[in-house]
Amino acid sequence: MANITHQYAKAATNLANIEQILGDLAVTFAEVQQRSTVDDSMIDALVASAGALSEAATAIKSINYEAP
């Protein structure tokens, strides 16, 4: 059996980093500056990427192992 724990840990670390960045953006837009139309477009792209990531993660659960 392959040891894939490091892959889960890396994914969790990357998600935590993204959550931190999103939190920083929220503070920036609440306290530092107003969002621009470019910001809104970038946020829309992040939302689309998050949706695609969710779909890809869900799809992994439907993979059935086929022994070589």
Protein backbone atom coordinates (compact mmCIF):
# COMPACT_ATOMS: atom_id res chain seq x y z
CA MET A 1 0.00 0.00 0.00
CA ALA A 2 1.37 3.40 -0.96
CA ASN A 3 2.00 5.93 1.77
CA ILE A 4 -0.02 8.90 0.58
CA THR A 5 -0.37 10.65 3.93
CA HIS A 6 2.16 13.27 2.78
CA GLN A 7 -0.11 14.11 -0.16
CA TYR A 8 -3.05 14.76 2.15
CA ALA A 9 -0.83 16.83 4.43
CA LYS A 10 0.45 18.90 1.52
CA ALA A 11 -3.09 19.49 0.27
CA ALA A 12 -4.22 20.52 3.77
CA THR A 13 -1.28 22.92 4.07
CA ASN A 14 -2.03 24.47 0.69
CA LEU A 15 -5.70 24.88 1.59
CA ALA A 16 -4.76 26.53 4.87
CA ASN A 17 -2.55 28.97 2.96
CA ILE A 18 -5.41 29.79 0.60
CA GLU A 19 -7.76 30.33 3.54
CA GLN A 20 -5.24 32.73 5.07
CA ILE A 21 -4.93 34.67 1.82
CA LEU A 22 -8.71 34.91 1.49
CA GLY A 23 -8.91 36.18 5.06
CA ASP A 24 -6.27 38.78 4.29
CA LEU A 25 -8.22 39.88 1.22
CA ALA A 26 -11.39 40.17 3.28
CA VAL A 27 -9.63 42.45 5.77
CA THR A 28 -8.13 44.51 2.95
CA PHE A 29 -11.52 45.06 1.33
CA ALA A 30 -13.19 45.79 4.67
CA GLU A 31 -10.58 48.12 6.11
CA VAL A 32 -8.06 49.29 3.50
CA GLN A 33 -9.60 49.71 0.09
CA GLN A 34 -12.71 49.11 -1.94
CA ARG A 35 -12.85 46.20 -4.39
CA SER A 36 -12.44 47.07 -8.03
CA THR A 37 -14.02 45.39 -11.02
CA VAL A 38 -10.69 43.64 -11.56
CA ASP A 39 -10.83 42.38 -7.97
CA ASP A 40 -14.37 41.09 -8.56
CA SER A 41 -13.19 39.27 -11.67
CA MET A 42 -10.29 37.71 -9.80
CA ILE A 43 -12.62 36.64 -6.99
CA ASP A 44 -14.96 35.08 -9.56
CA ALA A 45 -11.99 33.14 -10.94
CA LEU A 46 -11.13 31.92 -7.43
CA VAL A 47 -14.73 30.80 -6.89
CA ALA A 48 -14.67 28.90 -10.20
CA SER A 49 -11.36 27.25 -9.29
CA ALA A 50 -12.73 26.27 -5.89
CA GLY A 51 -15.73 24.67 -7.55
CA ALA A 52 -13.52 22.74 -9.94
CA LEU A 53 -11.33 21.62 -7.03
CA SER A 54 -14.37 20.39 -5.13
CA GLU A 55 -15.55 18.44 -8.17
CA ALA A 56 -12.11 16.89 -8.67
CA ALA A 57 -11.87 15.86 -5.02
CA THR A 58 -15.35 14.35 -5.13
CA ALA A 59 -14.50 12.48 -8.33
CA ILE A 60 -11.58 10.77 -6.59
CA LYS A 61 -14.09 8.98 -4.38
CA SER A 62 -15.61 7.28 -7.42
CA ILE A 63 -12.32 5.78 -8.62
CA ASN A 64 -12.16 2.02 -8.29
CA TYR A 65 -8.79 0.33 -7.90
CA GLU A 66 -7.79 -2.00 -10.69
CA ALA A 67 -4.92 -4.29 -9.81
CA PRO A 68 -2.17 -4.40 -12.44
